[in-house]
Amino acid sequence: MKGLRRYIVVGCTAVCLGAAVPAGAGLTCPPDSVLVGDACIDLYEASVWQLPPCPIGSPRGCQTLVNRVQTGTATLDDLVTNRGRQLGVADTCRGPSDYGENFPATGNWKPVAGSNPPSPRVYAVSIPGVQPSACITWFQANQACRLSGKRLARNDEWQAAAQGTPDPGTDNGTTDCAVNSPQPVNTGSRSSCKSSWGVFDMVGNVEEMVADWTEADAAGCTDSSSAFGFPGSDLICFQGYSEISPGQFPPFAAPGVFARGGMIQDGPQAGVFAVDTSTFPSWSHNVTGFRCARSAHQE
């Protein structure tokens, strides 16, 4: 019994003493993100920025902006005043070539000449007040997050972070989620389009690629009511209708990327359960973007 008592005392946590231990206790996130479980989810849809290179022999201060991007403290003013240039602005972008020859559709980036340390100087940033970036392949988005000290959010992390975002029925053009708008809106500009965790624009605006892949085929689409028995008409295209060209489907097995939340002009089919796997990781669309995440740090 003595040994058992000793084990109980040593193994006891604050719960044994009647104190509540809050979820995520001791974990912290940079200011551009919010803690959801044990992950830091970016507050805003990603915008991708090209920063001017730091030539070999340049002063250490040249790297300050990159350091701020990678620690989640960079602001829009920081990017603009230091000659940053946003790439692939949603809706008006042309395709993966918008990201430059050093950052091709494959994501296999090449260093900008003279950069120190070697880098393509292309980064994914979570800031309010800009249109998100799109026309990007999964491979490029994955690398843009990694260069910024992050990673693409996983599907399960995205689903958790979206909790409490209003499932749309209307778009009043000012505060509701952008699900019936002529073009994408600035990140964080729709004040009511916010999850219970504080994450903006997870429904509508640009749909968001996440880290996960599945098989894309011609199985078709349904809705959240039919698929899950949940109220609503969120569009579910899981393993659905990948097209090589309109009306033509691939005659082979191919990967499909999970894209979440729906987009502008999806109306009531956008929502927290909307999922589309009809896009290959090598494809892009002018209203398909992404969101980064990172592991939380222990205080």
Protein backbone atom coordinates (compact mmCIF):
# COMPACT_ATOMS: atom_id res chain seq x y z
CA MET A 1 0.00 0.00 0.00
CA LYS A 2 2.87 2.36 0.73
CA GLY A 3 4.11 1.96 -2.81
CA LEU A 4 0.64 2.56 -4.21
CA ARG A 5 0.20 5.72 -2.16
CA ARG A 6 3.58 6.99 -3.30
CA TYR A 7 2.56 6.43 -6.95
CA ILE A 8 -0.70 8.32 -6.50
CA VAL A 9 1.01 11.35 -4.95
CA VAL A 10 3.77 11.52 -7.56
CA GLY A 11 1.46 10.88 -10.50
CA CYS A 12 -1.26 13.30 -9.42
CA THR A 13 -1.89 16.44 -11.51
CA ALA A 14 -3.68 19.67 -10.71
CA VAL A 15 -6.95 17.92 -11.52
CA CYS A 16 -6.45 15.71 -8.42
CA LEU A 17 -6.36 18.84 -6.28
CA GLY A 18 -9.56 20.19 -7.76
CA ALA A 19 -7.94 22.80 -10.03
CA ALA A 20 -9.03 23.02 -13.67
CA VAL A 21 -6.30 22.74 -16.31
CA PRO A 22 -7.31 24.82 -19.37
CA ALA A 23 -6.89 23.30 -22.81
CA GLY A 24 -3.58 24.37 -24.35
CA ALA A 25 -2.17 25.52 -21.01
CA GLY A 26 1.43 26.63 -21.45
CA LEU A 27 1.22 26.79 -25.26
CA THR A 28 1.72 30.05 -27.15
CA CYS A 29 1.26 31.28 -30.72
CA PRO A 30 2.67 34.20 -32.73
CA PRO A 31 0.39 37.24 -33.10
CA ASP A 32 -0.59 36.32 -36.69
CA SER A 33 -2.34 33.14 -35.48
CA VAL A 34 -4.53 31.73 -32.73
CA LEU A 35 -4.23 28.59 -30.62
CA VAL A 36 -6.69 25.85 -31.59
CA GLY A 37 -5.89 22.76 -29.55
CA ASP A 38 -2.14 22.34 -29.93
CA ALA A 39 -1.85 24.12 -33.29
CA CYS A 40 -1.46 27.78 -34.21
CA ILE A 41 -3.89 28.48 -37.06
CA ASP A 42 -3.33 31.63 -39.11
CA LEU A 43 -5.96 34.26 -38.44
CA TYR A 44 -6.16 35.21 -42.13
CA GLU A 45 -6.11 33.55 -45.52
CA ALA A 46 -2.58 33.55 -46.89
CA SER A 47 -1.20 36.33 -49.05
CA VAL A 48 2.08 35.51 -50.80
CA TRP A 49 4.83 38.13 -50.98
CA GLN A 50 8.08 38.48 -52.89
CA LEU A 51 10.73 40.28 -50.84
CA PRO A 52 13.81 41.92 -52.34
CA PRO A 53 16.97 39.81 -51.99
CA CYS A 54 19.73 40.34 -49.46
CA PRO A 55 22.97 40.23 -51.49
CA ILE A 56 26.02 38.48 -50.12
CA GLY A 57 27.83 40.88 -47.80
CA SER A 58 24.70 42.92 -47.02
CA PRO A 59 24.19 44.02 -43.41
CA ARG A 60 22.35 41.70 -41.07
CA GLY A 61 19.44 44.14 -40.93
CA CYS A 62 18.52 43.13 -44.45
CA GLN A 63 17.12 39.91 -43.00
CA THR A 64 14.97 41.68 -40.42
CA LEU A 65 11.79 41.58 -42.49
CA VAL A 66 12.19 37.87 -43.25
CA ASN A 67 12.69 37.25 -39.54
CA ARG A 68 9.48 39.15 -38.80
CA VAL A 69 7.59 37.13 -41.40
CA GLN A 70 8.89 33.88 -39.93
CA THR A 71 8.00 34.89 -36.38
CA GLY A 72 4.51 36.08 -37.30
CA THR A 73 5.10 39.74 -36.46
CA ALA A 74 5.26 41.32 -39.94
CA THR A 75 2.60 43.90 -40.80
CA LEU A 76 1.28 45.15 -44.12
CA ASP A 77 3.17 48.40 -43.57
CA ASP A 78 6.39 46.41 -43.02
CA LEU A 79 5.93 44.59 -46.32
CA VAL A 80 5.03 47.65 -48.37
CA THR A 81 7.68 50.01 -47.00
CA ASN A 82 10.39 47.38 -47.53
CA ARG A 83 9.47 46.96 -51.22
CA GLY A 84 7.57 43.70 -50.80
CA ARG A 85 5.31 42.77 -53.72
CA GLN A 86 2.20 40.63 -53.37
CA LEU A 87 2.00 37.75 -55.86
CA GLY A 88 -1.04 35.99 -57.31
CA VAL A 89 -3.72 38.38 -56.04
CA ALA A 90 -7.00 36.45 -56.07
CA ASP A 91 -9.41 36.90 -58.98
CA THR A 92 -7.00 39.03 -61.06
CA CYS A 93 -4.14 36.50 -61.04
CA ARG A 94 -3.26 34.59 -64.22
CA GLY A 95 -1.79 31.31 -62.99
CA PRO A 96 1.13 29.66 -61.16
CA SER A 97 3.57 31.63 -63.34
CA ASP A 98 2.59 34.74 -61.29
CA TYR A 99 5.00 33.46 -58.65
CA GLY A 100 8.05 33.77 -60.89
CA GLU A 101 10.57 31.44 -62.44
CA ASN A 102 12.30 30.94 -59.10
CA PHE A 103 9.06 29.58 -57.63
CA PRO A 104 7.56 27.31 -60.32
CA ALA A 105 4.30 25.32 -60.22
CA THR A 106 6.22 22.28 -58.95
CA GLY A 107 7.25 24.17 -55.82
CA ASN A 108 10.87 23.20 -56.51
CA TRP A 109 12.17 26.70 -55.92
CA LYS A 110 15.53 28.08 -56.93
CA PRO A 111 17.44 30.71 -54.94
CA VAL A 112 17.23 34.30 -56.11
CA ALA A 113 20.65 35.27 -57.49
CA GLY A 114 22.77 36.73 -54.72
CA SER A 115 20.38 35.85 -51.91
CA ASN A 116 22.01 35.14 -48.57
CA PRO A 117 21.09 32.62 -47.22
CA PRO A 118 19.87 30.96 -50.46
CA SER A 119 16.15 31.61 -50.82
CA PRO A 120 13.46 32.30 -53.44
CA ARG A 121 12.34 35.24 -51.21
CA VAL A 122 8.70 34.10 -51.51
CA TYR A 123 6.70 33.86 -48.28
CA ALA A 124 3.14 33.21 -47.11
CA VAL A 125 1.90 35.86 -44.68
CA SER A 126 -1.17 36.10 -42.43
CA ILE A 127 -2.18 39.78 -42.36
CA PRO A 128 -5.50 41.67 -42.55
CA GLY A 129 -6.46 44.20 -45.19
CA VAL A 130 -5.30 42.55 -48.44
CA GLN A 131 -6.89 40.23 -50.93
CA PRO A 132 -5.69 36.65 -50.43
CA SER A 133 -3.38 35.07 -52.98
CA ALA A 134 -4.63 32.40 -55.40
CA CYS A 135 -3.69 30.91 -58.80
CA ILE A 136 -1.26 28.76 -56.82
CA THR A 137 -0.65 25.03 -56.91
CA TRP A 138 -0.63 22.89 -53.78
CA PHE A 139 3.12 22.40 -54.27
CA GLN A 140 3.75 26.14 -54.29
CA ALA A 141 1.46 26.76 -51.32
CA ASN A 142 3.19 24.03 -49.33
CA GLN A 143 6.60 25.59 -49.97
CA ALA A 144 5.39 29.15 -49.27
CA CYS A 145 4.17 28.05 -45.83
CA ARG A 146 7.40 26.16 -45.09
CA LEU A 147 9.62 29.09 -46.08
CA SER A 148 7.63 31.17 -43.60
CA GLY A 149 8.30 28.74 -40.75
CA LYS A 150 4.85 27.20 -41.04
CA ARG A 151 3.03 24.40 -42.86
CA LEU A 152 -0.29 23.98 -44.61
CA ALA A 153 -3.10 23.50 -42.09
CA ARG A 154 -4.31 19.89 -41.96
CA ASN A 155 -7.91 19.05 -42.77
CA ASP A 156 -8.75 18.16 -39.16
CA GLU A 157 -7.13 21.37 -37.91
CA TRP A 158 -9.07 23.41 -40.45
CA GLN A 159 -12.34 21.79 -39.40
CA ALA A 160 -11.69 22.52 -35.74
CA ALA A 161 -10.67 26.14 -36.37
CA ALA A 162 -13.79 26.79 -38.51
CA GLN A 163 -16.13 25.91 -35.63
CA GLY A 164 -18.69 28.64 -35.05
CA THR A 165 -18.20 30.43 -38.39
CA PRO A 166 -21.70 31.27 -39.65
CA ASP A 167 -22.88 28.85 -42.31
CA PRO A 168 -24.14 31.27 -44.96
CA GLY A 169 -27.55 31.94 -46.30
CA THR A 170 -27.09 35.58 -47.18
CA ASP A 171 -24.23 37.91 -48.00
CA ASN A 172 -25.03 41.49 -47.01
CA GLY A 173 -21.88 42.76 -48.74
CA THR A 174 -20.38 44.23 -45.58
CA THR A 175 -20.17 41.92 -42.55
CA ASP A 176 -21.36 38.46 -43.65
CA CYS A 177 -19.09 35.83 -45.18
CA ALA A 178 -18.29 36.59 -48.83
CA VAL A 179 -20.32 33.82 -50.44
CA ASN A 180 -22.24 35.86 -52.99
CA SER A 181 -19.79 38.58 -53.99
CA PRO A 182 -18.50 39.67 -57.41
CA GLN A 183 -14.87 39.32 -56.33
CA PRO A 184 -12.86 38.27 -53.28
CA VAL A 185 -12.74 40.71 -50.38
CA ASN A 186 -9.87 41.83 -48.18
CA THR A 187 -8.82 39.44 -45.45
CA GLY A 188 -10.58 40.06 -42.16
CA SER A 189 -12.87 42.72 -43.64
CA ARG A 190 -16.08 40.75 -43.00
CA SER A 191 -16.40 41.18 -39.23
CA SER A 192 -19.14 38.56 -38.76
CA CYS A 193 -17.26 35.93 -40.77
CA LYS A 194 -15.29 34.78 -37.76
CA SER A 195 -15.07 31.44 -35.99
CA SER A 196 -15.51 30.88 -32.27
CA TRP A 197 -11.72 30.66 -32.08
CA GLY A 198 -11.33 34.07 -33.75
CA VAL A 199 -10.23 32.89 -37.22
CA PHE A 200 -11.52 34.97 -40.15
CA ASP A 201 -12.95 34.03 -43.57
CA MET A 202 -13.05 30.26 -43.23
CA VAL A 203 -16.32 30.25 -45.17
CA GLY A 204 -16.43 31.82 -48.61
CA ASN A 205 -13.98 34.34 -50.10
CA VAL A 206 -11.33 31.96 -51.55
CA GLU A 207 -11.67 28.25 -50.86
CA GLU A 208 -8.66 26.99 -48.92
CA MET A 209 -6.39 24.09 -49.80
CA VAL A 210 -5.23 22.08 -46.82
CA ALA A 211 -2.38 19.60 -46.43
CA ASP A 212 -4.38 16.42 -47.06
CA TRP A 213 -4.76 14.55 -50.35
CA THR A 214 -7.24 11.88 -51.37
CA GLU A 215 -8.20 10.17 -54.62
CA ALA A 216 -9.94 12.34 -57.20
CA ASP A 217 -12.40 10.61 -59.52
CA ALA A 218 -15.82 11.08 -61.11
CA ALA A 219 -17.96 10.07 -58.14
CA GLY A 220 -19.99 13.29 -58.10
CA CYS A 221 -21.13 15.68 -55.36
CA THR A 222 -23.70 15.82 -52.59
CA ASP A 223 -24.43 18.12 -49.63
CA SER A 224 -23.83 18.12 -45.89
CA SER A 225 -27.42 17.14 -45.15
CA SER A 226 -27.17 14.01 -47.30
CA ALA A 227 -23.58 13.18 -46.37
CA PHE A 228 -23.68 13.79 -42.61
CA GLY A 229 -27.32 14.35 -41.72
CA PHE A 230 -26.44 17.90 -40.64
CA PRO A 231 -28.73 20.80 -41.56
CA GLY A 232 -27.61 22.88 -44.51
CA SER A 233 -26.53 22.55 -48.11
CA ASP A 234 -22.71 22.77 -47.79
CA LEU A 235 -21.29 21.28 -50.99
CA ILE A 236 -19.48 17.96 -50.55
CA CYS A 237 -17.40 16.94 -53.57
CA PHE A 238 -15.38 14.17 -51.98
CA GLN A 239 -13.61 12.19 -54.66
CA GLY A 240 -15.65 14.17 -57.15
CA TYR A 241 -15.64 15.19 -60.82
CA SER A 242 -12.00 16.14 -61.53
CA GLU A 243 -11.92 17.48 -65.07
CA ILE A 244 -8.99 17.63 -67.46
CA SER A 245 -11.08 20.00 -69.56
CA PRO A 246 -14.80 20.81 -69.23
CA GLY A 247 -16.77 17.58 -69.36
CA GLN A 248 -13.67 15.34 -69.67
CA PHE A 249 -12.55 13.22 -66.75
CA PRO A 250 -9.17 11.56 -66.23
CA PRO A 251 -9.09 7.87 -67.21
CA PHE A 252 -6.60 7.15 -64.42
CA ALA A 253 -6.30 7.30 -60.65
CA ALA A 254 -5.14 10.76 -59.57
CA PRO A 255 -4.70 12.67 -56.30
CA GLY A 256 -7.15 15.34 -55.28
CA VAL A 257 -6.44 18.11 -52.79
CA PHE A 258 -8.91 18.91 -50.02
CA ALA A 259 -10.18 22.48 -50.54
CA ARG A 260 -12.37 23.74 -47.72
CA GLY A 261 -15.03 26.33 -46.96
CA GLY A 262 -16.36 27.19 -50.40
CA MET A 263 -15.76 30.42 -52.27
CA ILE A 264 -17.39 33.61 -53.53
CA GLN A 265 -20.61 32.99 -55.47
CA ASP A 266 -21.06 29.52 -53.91
CA GLY A 267 -23.94 30.97 -51.90
CA PRO A 268 -25.54 28.48 -49.46
CA GLN A 269 -23.24 25.73 -50.75
CA ALA A 270 -20.29 27.36 -48.97
CA GLY A 271 -19.90 26.48 -45.31
CA VAL A 272 -17.86 24.92 -42.53
CA PHE A 273 -18.49 21.42 -43.93
CA ALA A 274 -17.90 22.25 -47.61
CA VAL A 275 -15.12 20.12 -49.06
CA ASP A 276 -13.96 19.81 -52.67
CA THR A 277 -11.41 17.23 -53.78
CA SER A 278 -11.82 17.82 -57.50
CA THR A 279 -8.57 19.75 -57.91
CA PHE A 280 -5.25 18.07 -58.65
CA PRO A 281 -2.29 19.34 -56.57
CA SER A 282 -0.71 20.61 -59.80
CA TRP A 283 -3.75 22.69 -60.75
CA SER A 284 -4.71 26.20 -59.65
CA HIS A 285 -7.75 28.48 -59.70
CA ASN A 286 -8.18 32.22 -59.34
CA VAL A 287 -10.35 31.88 -56.21
CA THR A 288 -8.56 28.92 -54.58
CA GLY A 289 -6.06 29.89 -51.90
CA PHE A 290 -4.78 28.39 -48.67
CA ARG A 291 -4.10 28.93 -44.99
CA CYS A 292 -0.97 28.11 -43.00
CA ALA A 293 -0.52 26.75 -39.50
CA ARG A 294 2.33 25.88 -37.17
CA SER A 295 2.85 23.84 -34.02
CA ALA A 296 2.35 25.80 -30.81
CA HIS A 297 5.36 26.45 -28.58
CA GLN A 298 5.65 25.62 -24.92
CA GLU A 299 6.03 28.66 -22.70
